[in-house]
Amino acid sequence: MQQVNECFVKVKKDCFKFISSQETKRYKFKNKDKMIKSFLIPVSFWISKRVNKKKTLIIGLAGGQGSGKTTISSILTLILQKYFKLNVFKISIDDFYKTRKDRKILSITKHPLLMTRGVPGTHDIDLMLKFFKKVKSKNFKNLIVPKFNKAIDDRYKKNLWYKVKSKPNVIIFEGWCVGAKAQKASQLKKPINSLEKVYDQRAEWRSHVNNHLKTKYKTLFKQLDGLLYLKAKNFNLLRSWRLKQERKLWVQKKDKKNLKIMSSGDVINFMQTYQRITQQMFKDALKISSIIMNLNNNHQIEKIKFKK
């Protein structure tokens, strides 16, 4: 407990500063002290104990849309850097989305729903595999890694990409489908929402997505050294959080020109593309995760379970 208190004293200023940068007049974080002290510092100790200075530790962080992955991963990064003096690189699976141009080609050649970013098959999986290989290499060299701009639904220009100048001790790899497993073919037959029922009547889109999970994504997720999972109580709760997230994005962006901010209807349709895998992860992630962080209805970590 003393170590936790010492850590909290050292990191709270930076953590609070980051949290403040994420707040708006309307959206404020509650119980910040408890979130950091009772949950995120113990998780940071768990990660630090697994660090091998010669080998990069890759930690996955998964959770549904709007569950708080970016906030949690950013605070964990701050704690690991400030208190444990580790070189940490945080990246989202979202940063590896295919470009709008490439998704347009996919939507024509494979299925129209693949224009919508999100599901397995809409990321540049080969680039992700190459990235993991390079960070694990003994002969590490400078890396540049893509950065995706959701506000314009496309990648940033290359001069704005992430630059990794030294071999990280830890990589936090966050994303809504990180660690997701493929479903059985029989599970794909019945549509689970109106989007699948209307736009994927032959189950071609969901089969295409599932095949990606069976193959290259399985290879990618096998390289994780641990998985943290933010568990919401249900999909409806995630949907309400995602709507709030979109409104917040609009408030925070000063330059609203060319912004592709979604309406409430757009968000609801968009989230239907995520629903099948998200609901499957409610079951699967409980079995495969190293740490499960249960979220309450107010979007706060309620309790935490260390499994591995």
Protein backbone atom coordinates (compact mmCIF):
# COMPACT_ATOMS: atom_id res chain seq x y z
CA MET A 1 0.00 0.00 0.00
CA GLN A 2 2.90 2.32 0.78
CA GLN A 3 4.27 1.86 -2.75
CA VAL A 4 0.86 2.70 -4.21
CA ASN A 5 0.69 5.89 -2.12
CA GLU A 6 4.22 6.90 -3.14
CA CYS A 7 3.36 6.31 -6.77
CA PHE A 8 0.12 8.32 -6.49
CA VAL A 9 1.94 11.32 -4.99
CA LYS A 10 4.45 11.26 -7.85
CA VAL A 11 2.02 10.84 -10.76
CA LYS A 12 -1.20 12.57 -9.71
CA LYS A 13 -0.26 16.02 -11.07
CA ASP A 14 0.46 14.67 -14.57
CA CYS A 15 -2.56 12.36 -14.51
CA PHE A 16 -4.92 15.14 -13.41
CA LYS A 17 -3.49 17.45 -16.07
CA PHE A 18 -4.21 14.86 -18.75
CA ILE A 19 -7.73 14.20 -17.42
CA SER A 20 -8.41 17.93 -17.40
CA SER A 21 -7.42 18.10 -21.09
CA GLN A 22 -10.11 15.50 -21.85
CA GLU A 23 -12.87 17.30 -19.99
CA THR A 24 -15.35 19.86 -21.31
CA LYS A 25 -17.72 22.10 -19.35
CA ARG A 26 -20.40 19.47 -19.79
CA TYR A 27 -18.34 16.28 -19.43
CA LYS A 28 -16.33 15.99 -16.21
CA PHE A 29 -14.50 12.98 -14.76
CA LYS A 30 -15.62 11.81 -11.33
CA ASN A 31 -13.70 9.88 -8.64
CA LYS A 32 -10.34 10.56 -10.33
CA ASP A 33 -8.34 9.73 -7.18
CA LYS A 34 -10.00 6.34 -6.78
CA MET A 35 -9.61 5.43 -10.48
CA ILE A 36 -5.87 6.13 -10.37
CA LYS A 37 -5.05 4.88 -6.87
CA SER A 38 -7.28 1.83 -6.55
CA PHE A 39 -7.19 0.58 -10.12
CA LEU A 40 -4.65 2.04 -12.55
CA ILE A 41 -1.62 2.16 -10.25
CA PRO A 42 -2.05 -1.56 -9.31
CA VAL A 43 -2.36 -2.38 -13.04
CA SER A 44 0.84 -0.39 -13.68
CA PHE A 45 2.67 -2.41 -11.00
CA TRP A 46 1.40 -5.60 -12.67
CA ILE A 47 2.78 -4.45 -16.04
CA SER A 48 6.13 -3.26 -14.61
CA LYS A 49 6.78 -6.64 -12.99
CA ARG A 50 6.56 -8.28 -16.42
CA VAL A 51 9.02 -5.96 -18.13
CA ASN A 52 12.20 -7.48 -19.50
CA LYS A 53 14.66 -4.74 -20.45
CA LYS A 54 15.94 -6.81 -23.41
CA LYS A 55 12.51 -7.54 -24.88
CA THR A 56 9.55 -5.29 -25.64
CA LEU A 57 6.44 -6.20 -23.64
CA ILE A 58 3.24 -5.90 -25.72
CA ILE A 59 0.09 -5.34 -23.67
CA GLY A 60 -3.30 -5.31 -25.36
CA LEU A 61 -6.12 -3.14 -24.03
CA ALA A 62 -9.61 -3.96 -25.29
CA GLY A 63 -13.09 -2.62 -24.62
CA GLY A 64 -16.17 -1.65 -26.57
CA GLN A 65 -16.74 1.66 -28.34
CA GLY A 66 -16.69 4.56 -25.89
CA SER A 67 -15.54 2.42 -22.93
CA GLY A 68 -12.57 4.68 -22.15
CA LYS A 69 -9.65 2.83 -23.75
CA THR A 70 -7.83 5.99 -24.86
CA THR A 71 -8.14 7.61 -21.42
CA ILE A 72 -7.09 4.47 -19.53
CA SER A 73 -4.16 3.69 -21.85
CA SER A 74 -2.94 7.31 -21.65
CA ILE A 75 -2.99 7.32 -17.84
CA LEU A 76 -1.25 3.92 -17.67
CA THR A 77 1.42 5.30 -20.01
CA LEU A 78 1.93 8.36 -17.79
CA ILE A 79 2.30 6.21 -14.65
CA LEU A 80 4.71 3.75 -16.29
CA GLN A 81 6.84 6.60 -17.62
CA LYS A 82 6.81 8.89 -14.59
CA TYR A 83 7.10 6.42 -11.70
CA PHE A 84 8.65 3.32 -13.26
CA LYS A 85 10.88 5.25 -15.72
CA LEU A 86 9.90 2.97 -18.60
CA ASN A 87 9.95 3.79 -22.30
CA VAL A 88 6.30 3.28 -23.27
CA PHE A 89 4.73 3.63 -26.69
CA LYS A 90 0.94 3.74 -26.87
CA ILE A 91 -0.76 2.98 -30.18
CA SER A 92 -4.32 2.22 -31.22
CA ILE A 93 -5.39 -0.44 -33.69
CA ASP A 94 -7.45 2.44 -35.16
CA ASP A 95 -4.23 4.12 -36.33
CA PHE A 96 -3.74 1.20 -38.71
CA TYR A 97 -7.04 1.65 -40.56
CA LYS A 98 -6.78 1.40 -44.30
CA THR A 99 -7.06 4.72 -46.11
CA ARG A 100 -10.42 5.91 -47.45
CA LYS A 101 -9.14 5.14 -50.94
CA ASP A 102 -8.28 1.54 -50.01
CA ARG A 103 -11.60 1.04 -48.21
CA LYS A 104 -13.40 2.39 -51.25
CA ILE A 105 -11.72 -0.32 -53.36
CA LEU A 106 -12.70 -2.95 -50.75
CA SER A 107 -16.30 -1.73 -50.81
CA ILE A 108 -16.41 -2.24 -54.59
CA THR A 109 -14.51 -5.53 -54.83
CA LYS A 110 -15.66 -7.28 -51.62
CA HIS A 111 -18.69 -5.69 -49.93
CA PRO A 112 -20.13 -2.14 -49.64
CA LEU A 113 -20.06 -2.27 -45.81
CA LEU A 114 -16.25 -2.43 -45.87
CA MET A 115 -16.19 1.29 -46.66
CA THR A 116 -17.04 1.78 -42.98
CA ARG A 117 -13.90 1.63 -40.86
CA GLY A 118 -13.80 -0.55 -37.76
CA VAL A 119 -14.16 -4.26 -38.33
CA PRO A 120 -11.30 -6.69 -38.96
CA GLY A 121 -10.43 -6.41 -42.62
CA THR A 122 -10.52 -2.60 -42.60
CA HIS A 123 -7.08 -2.35 -40.95
CA ASP A 124 -3.73 -2.69 -42.72
CA ILE A 125 -2.96 -5.98 -41.00
CA ASP A 126 0.36 -6.48 -42.81
CA LEU A 127 1.56 -3.10 -41.53
CA MET A 128 0.60 -4.10 -37.97
CA LEU A 129 2.43 -7.42 -38.23
CA LYS A 130 5.48 -5.63 -39.64
CA PHE A 131 5.35 -3.10 -36.77
CA PHE A 132 5.25 -5.87 -34.12
CA LYS A 133 8.15 -7.65 -35.83
CA LYS A 134 10.29 -4.50 -35.94
CA VAL A 135 9.75 -3.52 -32.30
CA LYS A 136 10.68 -7.03 -31.21
CA SER A 137 13.84 -7.06 -33.36
CA LYS A 138 17.20 -7.02 -31.56
CA ASN A 139 18.46 -4.59 -34.19
CA PHE A 140 15.83 -1.92 -33.54
CA LYS A 141 15.86 1.09 -35.84
CA ASN A 142 13.77 4.25 -35.93
CA LEU A 143 10.17 3.61 -36.86
CA ILE A 144 7.39 5.76 -38.22
CA VAL A 145 3.90 4.51 -37.49
CA PRO A 146 0.61 5.65 -39.08
CA LYS A 147 -1.72 8.03 -37.28
CA PHE A 148 -5.42 8.05 -38.15
CA ASN A 149 -7.63 11.12 -38.02
CA LYS A 150 -11.20 10.04 -37.24
CA ALA A 151 -12.48 13.57 -37.76
CA ILE A 152 -11.71 13.26 -41.50
CA ASP A 153 -11.97 9.44 -41.60
CA ASP A 154 -8.51 9.08 -43.12
CA ARG A 155 -4.83 8.94 -42.21
CA TYR A 156 -2.89 12.03 -41.29
CA LYS A 157 -0.18 13.10 -43.72
CA LYS A 158 3.05 11.15 -43.26
CA ASN A 159 4.93 14.05 -41.65
CA LEU A 160 2.44 13.83 -38.74
CA TRP A 161 2.85 10.07 -38.14
CA TYR A 162 4.24 8.73 -34.86
CA LYS A 163 8.03 8.51 -34.60
CA VAL A 164 9.49 5.73 -32.45
CA LYS A 165 13.13 6.68 -31.94
CA SER A 166 14.18 4.06 -29.39
CA LYS A 167 13.12 0.51 -28.57
CA PRO A 168 10.13 0.64 -26.18
CA ASN A 169 10.10 -1.34 -22.94
CA VAL A 170 6.32 -1.52 -23.21
CA ILE A 171 3.81 -1.12 -26.01
CA ILE A 172 0.19 -0.55 -25.06
CA PHE A 173 -1.85 -1.67 -28.06
CA GLU A 174 -5.45 -0.57 -27.57
CA GLY A 175 -8.53 -1.20 -29.65
CA TRP A 176 -12.14 -2.30 -29.50
CA CYS A 177 -11.44 -5.68 -31.16
CA VAL A 178 -7.94 -6.38 -29.77
CA GLY A 179 -7.90 -10.06 -28.77
CA ALA A 180 -11.21 -10.84 -30.53
CA LYS A 181 -11.83 -14.42 -31.61
CA ALA A 182 -13.64 -15.73 -34.68
CA GLN A 183 -17.13 -17.16 -34.40
CA LYS A 184 -18.28 -20.56 -35.66
CA ALA A 185 -19.83 -20.54 -39.15
CA SER A 186 -23.20 -21.53 -37.65
CA GLN A 187 -23.20 -18.35 -35.52
CA LEU A 188 -22.97 -16.16 -38.61
CA LYS A 189 -26.17 -17.36 -40.25
CA LYS A 190 -28.66 -15.35 -38.22
CA PRO A 191 -28.42 -11.52 -38.41
CA ILE A 192 -28.19 -9.84 -35.01
CA ASN A 193 -29.39 -6.34 -35.98
CA SER A 194 -31.15 -4.40 -38.72
CA LEU A 195 -27.91 -3.51 -40.51
CA GLU A 196 -26.99 -7.17 -41.00
CA LYS A 197 -30.57 -8.03 -41.92
CA VAL A 198 -30.85 -5.35 -44.61
CA TYR A 199 -27.30 -4.86 -45.93
CA ASP A 200 -25.75 -8.30 -45.42
CA GLN A 201 -28.55 -10.66 -46.37
CA ARG A 202 -26.16 -13.36 -47.64
CA ALA A 203 -23.82 -13.01 -44.66
CA GLU A 204 -20.94 -12.18 -47.03
CA TRP A 205 -19.70 -9.18 -45.05
CA ARG A 206 -19.73 -10.88 -41.65
CA SER A 207 -18.12 -14.00 -43.14
CA HIS A 208 -15.36 -11.85 -44.66
CA VAL A 209 -14.75 -10.17 -41.28
CA ASN A 210 -14.82 -13.51 -39.45
CA ASN A 211 -12.28 -15.03 -41.87
CA HIS A 212 -9.88 -12.20 -41.05
CA LEU A 213 -10.25 -12.97 -37.34
CA LYS A 214 -9.52 -16.63 -38.05
CA THR A 215 -6.28 -15.89 -39.90
CA LYS A 216 -4.03 -12.81 -39.74
CA TYR A 217 -5.70 -11.19 -36.74
CA LYS A 218 -5.27 -14.44 -34.82
CA THR A 219 -1.56 -14.33 -35.69
CA LEU A 220 -1.37 -10.70 -34.57
CA PHE A 221 -3.15 -11.19 -31.24
CA LYS A 222 -0.99 -14.22 -30.40
CA GLN A 223 1.90 -11.80 -30.02
CA LEU A 224 0.31 -10.04 -27.04
CA ASP A 225 2.02 -10.67 -23.70
CA GLY A 226 -1.13 -9.79 -21.79
CA LEU A 227 -4.64 -8.44 -22.35
CA LEU A 228 -6.51 -5.87 -20.25
CA TYR A 229 -10.27 -5.75 -20.82
CA LEU A 230 -12.68 -2.93 -20.01
CA LYS A 231 -16.02 -4.66 -19.54
CA ALA A 232 -19.23 -2.69 -19.90
CA LYS A 233 -22.50 -4.21 -18.63
CA ASN A 234 -24.17 -4.30 -22.04
CA PHE A 235 -24.09 -3.04 -25.61
CA ASN A 236 -26.77 -0.36 -25.05
CA LEU A 237 -24.56 1.30 -22.46
CA LEU A 238 -21.65 1.36 -24.91
CA ARG A 239 -23.90 2.97 -27.50
CA SER A 240 -24.84 5.80 -25.12
CA TRP A 241 -21.15 6.36 -24.26
CA ARG A 242 -20.23 6.43 -27.94
CA LEU A 243 -22.89 9.07 -28.63
CA LYS A 244 -21.45 11.16 -25.81
CA GLN A 245 -17.95 10.70 -27.27
CA GLU A 246 -19.06 12.03 -30.65
CA ARG A 247 -20.65 15.12 -29.08
CA LYS A 248 -17.44 15.68 -27.11
CA LEU A 249 -15.35 15.44 -30.30
CA TRP A 250 -17.44 18.18 -31.85
CA VAL A 251 -17.01 20.45 -28.81
CA GLN A 252 -13.24 19.90 -28.60
CA LYS A 253 -12.44 20.52 -32.28
CA LYS A 254 -11.87 24.20 -32.92
CA ASP A 255 -11.50 23.87 -36.68
CA LYS A 256 -14.79 22.28 -37.76
CA LYS A 257 -14.10 22.56 -41.49
CA ASN A 258 -14.11 19.14 -43.26
CA LEU A 259 -15.05 17.40 -39.99
CA LYS A 260 -16.82 14.09 -40.50
CA ILE A 261 -18.60 14.14 -37.12
CA MET A 262 -21.51 11.69 -36.98
CA SER A 263 -25.12 12.42 -36.16
CA SER A 264 -26.87 10.28 -33.53
CA GLY A 265 -28.39 8.18 -36.31
CA ASP A 266 -24.98 7.72 -37.95
CA VAL A 267 -23.47 6.59 -34.63
CA ILE A 268 -26.25 4.04 -34.07
CA ASN A 269 -25.76 2.62 -37.59
CA PHE A 270 -21.97 2.73 -37.22
CA MET A 271 -22.10 0.80 -33.96
CA GLN A 272 -24.20 -1.94 -35.53
CA THR A 273 -21.10 -2.88 -37.55
CA TYR A 274 -19.29 -3.42 -34.21
CA GLN A 275 -22.11 -5.20 -32.38
CA ARG A 276 -21.47 -8.83 -33.33
CA ILE A 277 -17.81 -8.88 -32.30
CA THR A 278 -18.38 -6.69 -29.23
CA GLN A 279 -21.08 -9.01 -27.88
CA GLN A 280 -18.95 -12.07 -28.58
CA MET A 281 -16.09 -10.41 -26.69
CA PHE A 282 -18.32 -10.00 -23.62
CA LYS A 283 -17.98 -13.80 -23.38
CA ASP A 284 -14.56 -14.55 -24.87
CA ALA A 285 -12.54 -11.74 -23.28
CA LEU A 286 -13.53 -12.92 -19.80
CA LYS A 287 -11.72 -16.19 -20.50
CA ILE A 288 -8.59 -14.88 -22.20
CA SER A 289 -7.87 -11.56 -20.42
CA SER A 290 -5.11 -11.12 -17.86
CA ILE A 291 -6.98 -8.31 -16.11
CA ILE A 292 -10.70 -7.47 -16.26
CA MET A 293 -11.86 -3.97 -15.30
CA ASN A 294 -15.61 -3.92 -14.74
CA LEU A 295 -17.30 -0.61 -15.59
CA ASN A 296 -20.44 0.65 -13.87
CA ASN A 297 -23.34 2.53 -15.49
CA ASN A 298 -21.57 5.85 -14.84
CA HIS A 299 -18.59 4.93 -17.00
CA GLN A 300 -16.28 4.33 -14.02
CA ILE A 301 -14.16 1.33 -13.06
CA GLU A 302 -16.17 -0.46 -10.38
CA LYS A 303 -13.91 -3.40 -9.64
CA ILE A 304 -10.88 -5.14 -11.06
CA LYS A 305 -9.94 -8.79 -11.36
CA PHE A 306 -6.37 -10.00 -11.89
CA LYS A 307 -6.48 -13.41 -13.58
CA LYS A 308 -2.91 -14.11 -14.70
